[in-house]
């Protein structure tokens, strides 16, 4: 025990301990230096703005700045060349390490196809919103004579009609054929308390267009919902131009089942047959002799009674009267 304690207090022990600490410090310092050199600690590169550049140009630029890239996705952006960068991560201007990977999104070489929506009889504003939502543009508008003012009556592409459902390239610009509103003023129809389906029929029959439709949240059946407000209102002597839109406000119809009529339940009124009227110009004349004969058959009178009841008729006079009557009718 005494020898062990004397060793801890000996000069040799403390020299060895000091040498061990010095060696550990040198090794730690060397490790940190190597780690900094490996990770490029303190060094940073500002991410360049790559949007709009071609992928080949981006490849060369990143290589010069000791940066890497990876294409993550492709999309379609109108008015951007195919193969150009439309998005990047990290964003331009950020500081990154050397050899950092930059994730890129390219503009596709082949624009996707979209189906032409059915916008016939829609308003110009509504049609533009539908086309923009799927990536189509309105190149121009043409007007033709029609009472439905600013209502879409057709769509053209390269001078040819474009039907709904036809696939076109995203970004295509079409021409809308609209009505010029020819037809003048019409009275404002009363649509309140009608169902939405009935109101649409009324709007079309008046040569008007359907405008904004505001539906209450509790409506479960839009077609049979009730109109509780309309703009403009159907006040006395109120008029509007044919083709103008009417805005509707719909609420839940508590009696909607009464409006749903199956085809077999619809009763078609059938006119009642009419009997032909009797001819007034040729009345039926019953000779007295016939009347007496019928009476004779029924009552079977005696010969004496028949002689008393039957009036005496001169046959020559009767013949002359008949000829005069026929001659009068012939004239």
Protein backbone atom coordinates (compact mmCIF):
# COMPACT_ATOMS: atom_id res chain seq x y z
CA UNK A 1 0.00 0.00 0.00
CA UNK A 2 2.87 2.33 0.83
CA UNK A 3 4.52 1.63 -2.54
CA UNK A 4 1.27 2.43 -4.38
CA UNK A 5 0.84 5.77 -2.66
CA UNK A 6 4.43 6.66 -3.29
CA UNK A 7 3.92 5.95 -7.01
CA UNK A 8 0.97 8.39 -7.23
CA UNK A 9 3.12 11.11 -5.80
CA UNK A 10 6.12 10.27 -7.91
CA UNK A 11 7.43 12.43 -10.71
CA UNK A 12 7.03 9.62 -13.26
CA UNK A 13 3.29 9.31 -12.69
CA UNK A 14 2.62 13.00 -13.19
CA UNK A 15 4.76 13.17 -16.33
CA UNK A 16 2.88 10.23 -17.85
CA UNK A 17 -0.49 11.76 -16.93
CA UNK A 18 0.47 15.07 -18.49
CA UNK A 19 1.67 13.35 -21.64
CA UNK A 20 -1.63 11.47 -21.89
CA UNK A 21 -3.67 14.71 -21.65
CA UNK A 22 -1.53 16.41 -24.23
CA UNK A 23 -1.86 13.51 -26.61
CA UNK A 24 -5.64 13.40 -26.15
CA UNK A 25 -5.91 17.12 -26.87
CA UNK A 26 -3.86 16.80 -30.02
CA UNK A 27 -5.97 13.90 -31.21
CA UNK A 28 -9.25 15.76 -30.54
CA UNK A 29 -8.00 18.86 -32.30
CA UNK A 30 -6.92 16.83 -35.30
CA UNK A 31 -10.30 15.07 -35.37
CA UNK A 32 -12.19 18.36 -35.35
CA UNK A 33 -9.99 19.76 -38.11
CA UNK A 34 -10.54 16.70 -40.23
CA UNK A 35 -14.31 16.85 -39.60
CA UNK A 36 -14.42 20.52 -40.56
CA UNK A 37 -12.49 19.79 -43.71
CA UNK A 38 -14.78 16.91 -44.56
CA UNK A 39 -18.01 18.81 -43.88
CA UNK A 40 -16.73 22.17 -45.16
CA UNK A 41 -17.56 23.77 -41.88
CA UNK A 42 -17.86 27.54 -42.16
CA UNK A 43 -18.11 27.34 -45.94
CA UNK A 44 -21.43 28.11 -47.70
CA UNK A 45 -22.73 28.66 -51.21
CA UNK A 46 -25.65 30.90 -52.12
CA UNK A 47 -28.28 28.96 -54.04
CA UNK A 48 -28.69 30.50 -57.52
CA UNK A 49 -32.07 31.33 -59.06
CA UNK A 50 -32.64 28.57 -61.61
CA UNK A 51 -36.23 29.30 -62.64
CA UNK A 52 -36.74 29.71 -66.37
CA UNK A 53 -33.39 28.14 -67.30
CA UNK A 54 -33.09 25.02 -69.41
CA UNK A 55 -32.05 21.86 -67.61
CA UNK A 56 -28.80 21.64 -69.59
CA UNK A 57 -27.79 25.17 -68.54
CA UNK A 58 -28.69 24.39 -64.93
CA UNK A 59 -26.53 21.26 -64.99
CA UNK A 60 -23.43 23.24 -65.99
CA UNK A 61 -24.06 26.08 -63.55
CA UNK A 62 -24.50 23.78 -60.54
CA UNK A 63 -21.40 21.81 -61.45
CA UNK A 64 -19.31 25.02 -61.40
CA UNK A 65 -20.65 25.83 -57.90
CA UNK A 66 -20.05 22.30 -56.53
CA UNK A 67 -23.78 21.67 -56.21
CA UNK A 68 -25.87 18.69 -57.31
CA UNK A 69 -29.44 18.51 -58.62
CA UNK A 70 -32.32 16.06 -58.83
CA UNK A 71 -35.52 16.36 -60.89
CA UNK A 72 -38.42 15.62 -58.54
CA UNK A 73 -41.50 16.45 -60.63
CA UNK A 74 -42.83 17.93 -63.84
CA UNK A 75 -45.85 20.15 -64.42
CA UNK A 76 -47.31 22.45 -67.04
CA UNK A 77 -46.96 26.23 -66.83
CA UNK A 78 -48.33 28.35 -69.63
CA UNK A 79 -45.89 30.65 -71.46
CA UNK A 80 -42.89 28.67 -70.16
CA UNK A 81 -40.62 26.75 -72.57
CA UNK A 82 -40.72 22.95 -72.34
CA UNK A 83 -37.94 21.58 -70.13
CA UNK A 84 -37.45 24.86 -68.26
CA UNK A 85 -37.22 25.01 -64.46
CA UNK A 86 -40.49 26.19 -62.88
CA UNK A 87 -39.67 25.52 -59.20
CA UNK A 88 -36.70 24.64 -56.99
CA UNK A 89 -35.86 23.70 -53.42
CA UNK A 90 -34.02 25.19 -51.54
CA UNK A 91 -35.24 28.61 -52.66
CA UNK A 92 -32.87 31.06 -54.37
CA UNK A 93 -30.68 33.15 -52.06
CA UNK A 94 -30.34 30.60 -49.25
CA UNK A 95 -26.89 29.47 -48.06
CA UNK A 96 -26.12 25.76 -48.38
CA UNK A 97 -23.15 23.47 -48.00
CA UNK A 98 -20.91 22.42 -50.83
CA UNK A 99 -22.24 19.45 -52.76
CA UNK A 100 -25.79 20.14 -51.56
CA UNK A 101 -28.57 18.60 -53.69
CA UNK A 102 -31.02 21.03 -55.34
CA UNK A 103 -34.47 19.57 -56.11
CA UNK A 104 -36.01 20.82 -59.35
CA UNK A 105 -39.47 20.84 -61.01
CA UNK A 106 -39.51 21.00 -64.81
CA UNK A 107 -42.08 22.26 -67.28
CA UNK A 108 -43.33 19.22 -69.13
CA UNK A 109 -42.47 18.75 -72.80
CA UNK A 110 -45.96 17.46 -73.65
CA UNK A 111 -48.81 19.55 -72.21
CA UNK A 112 -51.62 17.40 -70.76
CA UNK A 113 -55.03 17.04 -72.38
CA UNK A 114 -58.23 18.35 -70.81
CA UNK A 115 -61.86 17.85 -71.78
CA UNK A 116 -63.85 20.80 -73.02
CA UNK A 117 -66.57 21.54 -70.42
CA UNK A 118 -70.22 22.04 -71.33
CA UNK A 119 -70.59 25.82 -71.08
CA UNK A 120 -73.45 26.27 -73.53
CA UNK A 121 -75.99 28.86 -72.30
CA UNK A 122 -73.66 29.83 -69.44
CA UNK A 123 -72.92 33.50 -68.87
CA UNK A 124 -69.66 34.94 -70.17
CA UNK A 125 -68.28 35.39 -66.65
CA UNK A 126 -69.19 31.85 -65.64
CA UNK A 127 -67.75 30.37 -68.84
CA UNK A 128 -64.44 32.21 -68.39
CA UNK A 129 -64.15 30.94 -64.81
CA UNK A 130 -64.78 27.33 -65.89
CA UNK A 131 -62.23 27.50 -68.69
CA UNK A 132 -59.54 29.09 -66.53
CA UNK A 133 -60.03 26.46 -63.82
CA UNK A 134 -58.94 23.69 -66.22
CA UNK A 135 -56.17 25.65 -67.94
CA UNK A 136 -57.93 26.95 -71.06
CA UNK A 137 -58.01 30.57 -72.24
CA UNK A 138 -60.50 32.78 -74.06
CA UNK A 139 -58.83 34.14 -77.15
CA UNK A 140 -61.71 36.26 -78.44
CA UNK A 141 -65.50 36.58 -78.50
CA UNK A 142 -67.95 36.67 -81.39
CA UNK A 143 -71.53 37.98 -81.22
CA UNK A 144 -74.51 36.73 -83.18
CA UNK A 145 -78.17 37.75 -83.20
CA UNK A 146 -79.83 36.07 -80.24
CA UNK A 147 -82.02 37.34 -77.41
CA UNK A 148 -79.72 35.72 -74.79
CA UNK A 149 -77.30 38.57 -74.27
CA UNK A 150 -73.75 37.49 -73.30
CA UNK A 151 -74.86 33.85 -73.11
CA UNK A 152 -72.47 31.30 -74.60
CA UNK A 153 -74.08 29.81 -77.69
CA UNK A 154 -71.02 27.94 -78.96
CA UNK A 155 -67.24 27.49 -78.81
CA UNK A 156 -64.81 27.62 -81.74
CA UNK A 157 -61.24 26.42 -82.16
CA UNK A 158 -59.35 27.30 -85.34
CA UNK A 159 -62.62 28.42 -86.91
CA UNK A 160 -64.39 25.09 -86.27
CA UNK A 161 -67.08 24.33 -83.66
CA UNK A 162 -65.71 22.70 -80.51
CA UNK A 163 -68.14 20.35 -78.81
CA UNK A 164 -68.25 19.64 -75.08
CA UNK A 165 -66.21 16.61 -74.06
CA UNK A 166 -63.61 17.04 -76.81
CA UNK A 167 -60.03 16.68 -75.56
CA UNK A 168 -57.83 19.72 -76.17
CA UNK A 169 -54.31 20.63 -75.10
CA UNK A 170 -54.05 22.49 -71.83
CA UNK A 171 -53.35 26.15 -72.49
CA UNK A 172 -55.39 26.25 -75.71
CA UNK A 173 -57.17 29.55 -76.43
CA UNK A 174 -60.74 29.26 -77.75
CA UNK A 175 -63.31 31.67 -79.17
CA UNK A 176 -66.68 32.06 -77.47
CA UNK A 177 -69.80 32.70 -79.55
CA UNK A 178 -72.19 34.93 -77.58
CA UNK A 179 -75.67 36.35 -78.07
CA UNK A 180 -75.93 40.09 -78.70
CA UNK A 181 -79.20 40.48 -76.77
CA UNK A 182 -81.36 41.30 -79.74
CA UNK A 183 -85.02 41.26 -78.77
CA UNK A 184 -85.52 44.26 -76.50
CA UNK A 185 -87.17 44.38 -73.10
CA UNK A 186 -89.15 41.65 -71.37
CA UNK A 187 -91.08 41.78 -68.08
CA UNK A 188 -89.31 40.43 -65.02
CA UNK A 189 -90.82 36.98 -64.33
CA UNK A 190 -92.06 36.02 -60.87
CA UNK A 191 -89.87 33.12 -59.72
CA UNK A 192 -90.39 33.23 -55.95
CA UNK A 193 -92.00 30.04 -54.56
CA UNK A 194 -91.07 28.11 -57.71
CA UNK A 195 -88.65 25.21 -57.60
CA UNK A 196 -85.19 25.70 -59.05
CA UNK A 197 -86.06 23.41 -61.98
CA UNK A 198 -89.22 25.43 -62.72
CA UNK A 199 -87.37 28.72 -62.37
CA UNK A 200 -84.76 27.67 -64.94
CA UNK A 201 -87.51 26.89 -67.44
CA UNK A 202 -89.11 30.29 -66.82
CA UNK A 203 -85.78 32.09 -67.25
CA UNK A 204 -85.14 30.42 -70.60
CA UNK A 205 -88.70 31.02 -71.79
CA UNK A 206 -88.30 34.75 -71.13
CA UNK A 207 -85.02 34.86 -73.07
CA UNK A 208 -83.00 35.56 -69.92
CA UNK A 209 -79.90 33.92 -68.46
CA UNK A 210 -79.27 32.29 -65.13
CA UNK A 211 -77.00 34.38 -62.96
CA UNK A 212 -75.58 33.69 -59.51
CA UNK A 213 -77.36 30.93 -57.56
CA UNK A 214 -76.99 31.13 -53.76
CA UNK A 215 -77.99 27.87 -52.04
CA UNK A 216 -78.72 27.63 -48.31
CA UNK A 217 -76.52 25.09 -46.46
CA UNK A 218 -79.47 22.89 -45.48
CA UNK A 219 -80.62 22.26 -49.07
CA UNK A 220 -80.48 18.54 -49.89
CA UNK A 221 -82.10 18.56 -53.34
CA UNK A 222 -81.02 21.52 -55.45
CA UNK A 223 -83.40 20.90 -58.35
CA UNK A 224 -86.48 20.90 -56.07
CA UNK A 225 -85.31 23.65 -53.72
CA UNK A 226 -87.59 26.69 -53.49
CA UNK A 227 -86.70 30.16 -54.75
CA UNK A 228 -87.26 32.58 -51.87
CA UNK A 229 -85.58 35.63 -53.41
CA UNK A 230 -84.67 36.83 -56.89
CA UNK A 231 -82.65 39.71 -58.30
CA UNK A 232 -84.11 41.75 -59.92
CA UNK A 233 -87.47 41.55 -58.15
CA UNK A 234 -90.68 41.05 -60.11
CA UNK A 235 -92.32 44.35 -59.19
CA UNK A 236 -95.08 45.90 -61.27
CA UNK A 237 -94.00 47.04 -64.75
CA UNK A 238 -90.39 45.97 -64.08
CA UNK A 239 -88.50 45.02 -67.26
CA UNK A 240 -85.05 43.85 -68.21
CA UNK A 241 -83.10 43.29 -71.39
CA UNK A 242 -83.33 39.87 -72.96
CA UNK A 243 -80.17 37.94 -72.21
CA UNK A 244 -79.51 39.59 -68.86
CA UNK A 245 -78.85 37.30 -65.86
CA UNK A 246 -81.21 36.67 -62.96
CA UNK A 247 -79.77 35.80 -59.55
CA UNK A 248 -81.61 33.23 -57.44
CA UNK A 249 -81.60 32.39 -53.73
CA UNK A 250 -82.67 28.84 -52.83
CA UNK A 251 -83.89 27.27 -49.60
CA UNK A 252 -84.90 23.76 -48.57
CA UNK A 253 -88.32 22.73 -49.87
CA UNK A 254 -90.35 21.07 -47.08
CA UNK A 255 -92.79 19.66 -49.64
CA UNK A 256 -90.30 18.64 -52.28
CA UNK A 257 -91.90 15.20 -52.65
CA UNK A 258 -95.03 16.89 -53.99
CA UNK A 259 -93.00 18.33 -56.87
CA UNK A 260 -91.43 15.03 -57.90
CA UNK A 261 -93.96 13.53 -60.36
CA UNK A 262 -93.23 10.28 -62.12
CA UNK A 263 -94.07 10.14 -65.81
CA UNK A 264 -96.72 7.50 -65.31
CA UNK A 265 -98.46 9.73 -62.77
CA UNK A 266 -98.80 12.69 -65.12
CA UNK A 267 -102.41 12.88 -66.30
CA UNK A 268 -102.86 14.07 -69.84
CA UNK A 269 -106.28 15.76 -70.23
CA UNK A 270 -108.41 14.11 -72.89
CA UNK A 271 -111.11 16.30 -74.46
CA UNK A 272 -114.66 14.99 -74.02
CA UNK A 273 -116.37 13.86 -77.23
CA UNK A 274 -118.91 16.30 -78.53
CA UNK A 275 -122.20 15.16 -80.17
CA UNK A 276 -123.07 16.60 -83.54
CA UNK A 277 -125.88 19.18 -83.34
CA UNK A 278 -129.14 18.47 -85.10
CA UNK A 279 -129.60 20.07 -88.47
CA UNK A 280 -131.89 23.05 -88.18
CA UNK A 281 -132.50 23.50 -91.87
CA UNK A 282 -134.15 20.10 -92.27
CA UNK A 283 -136.45 19.57 -89.25
CA UNK A 284 -138.17 16.30 -88.97
CA UNK A 285 -141.87 16.60 -89.83
CA UNK A 286 -144.16 13.95 -88.57
CA UNK A 287 -147.30 13.74 -90.70
CA UNK A 288 -150.49 13.56 -88.78
CA UNK A 289 -151.34 10.28 -90.47
CA UNK A 290 -148.19 8.62 -89.02
CA UNK A 291 -148.92 9.97 -85.58
CA UNK A 292 -152.38 8.49 -85.74
CA UNK A 293 -150.94 5.24 -87.02
CA UNK A 294 -148.52 4.94 -84.06
CA UNK A 295 -151.34 5.77 -81.73
CA UNK A 296 -153.42 3.21 -83.49
CA UNK A 297 -150.83 0.53 -82.97
CA UNK A 298 -150.43 1.33 -79.30
CA UNK A 299 -154.03 1.97 -78.32
CA UNK A 300 -155.69 0.00 -81.14
CA UNK A 301 -158.69 2.37 -81.55
CA UNK A 302 -161.83 1.54 -83.45
CA UNK A 303 -162.43 2.55 -87.06
CA UNK A 304 -165.02 5.12 -86.06
CA UNK A 305 -162.63 6.83 -83.63
CA UNK A 306 -159.87 6.82 -86.28
CA UNK A 307 -162.10 8.55 -88.76
CA UNK A 308 -162.96 11.27 -86.23
CA UNK A 309 -159.27 11.90 -85.20
CA UNK A 310 -157.61 11.77 -88.65
CA UNK A 311 -157.73 15.19 -90.40
CA UNK A 312 -158.74 15.38 -94.03
CA UNK A 313 -155.75 16.20 -96.30
CA UNK A 314 -156.00 17.11 -99.99
CA UNK A 315 -153.16 15.21 -101.76
CA UNK A 316 -153.01 17.66 -104.70
CA UNK A 317 -152.50 20.65 -102.44
CA UNK A 318 -149.84 18.79 -100.47
CA UNK A 319 -147.99 17.91 -103.69
CA UNK A 320 -148.03 21.55 -104.87
CA UNK A 321 -146.66 22.76 -101.52
CA UNK A 322 -143.85 20.21 -101.69
CA UNK A 323 -142.85 21.37 -105.21
CA UNK A 324 -142.83 25.02 -104.10
CA UNK A 325 -140.60 24.16 -101.14
CA UNK A 326 -138.05 22.32 -103.32
CA UNK A 327 -138.00 25.17 -105.84
CA UNK A 328 -137.32 27.65 -103.01
CA UNK A 329 -134.45 25.54 -101.70
CA UNK A 330 -132.94 25.26 -105.20
CA UNK A 331 -132.93 29.07 -105.55
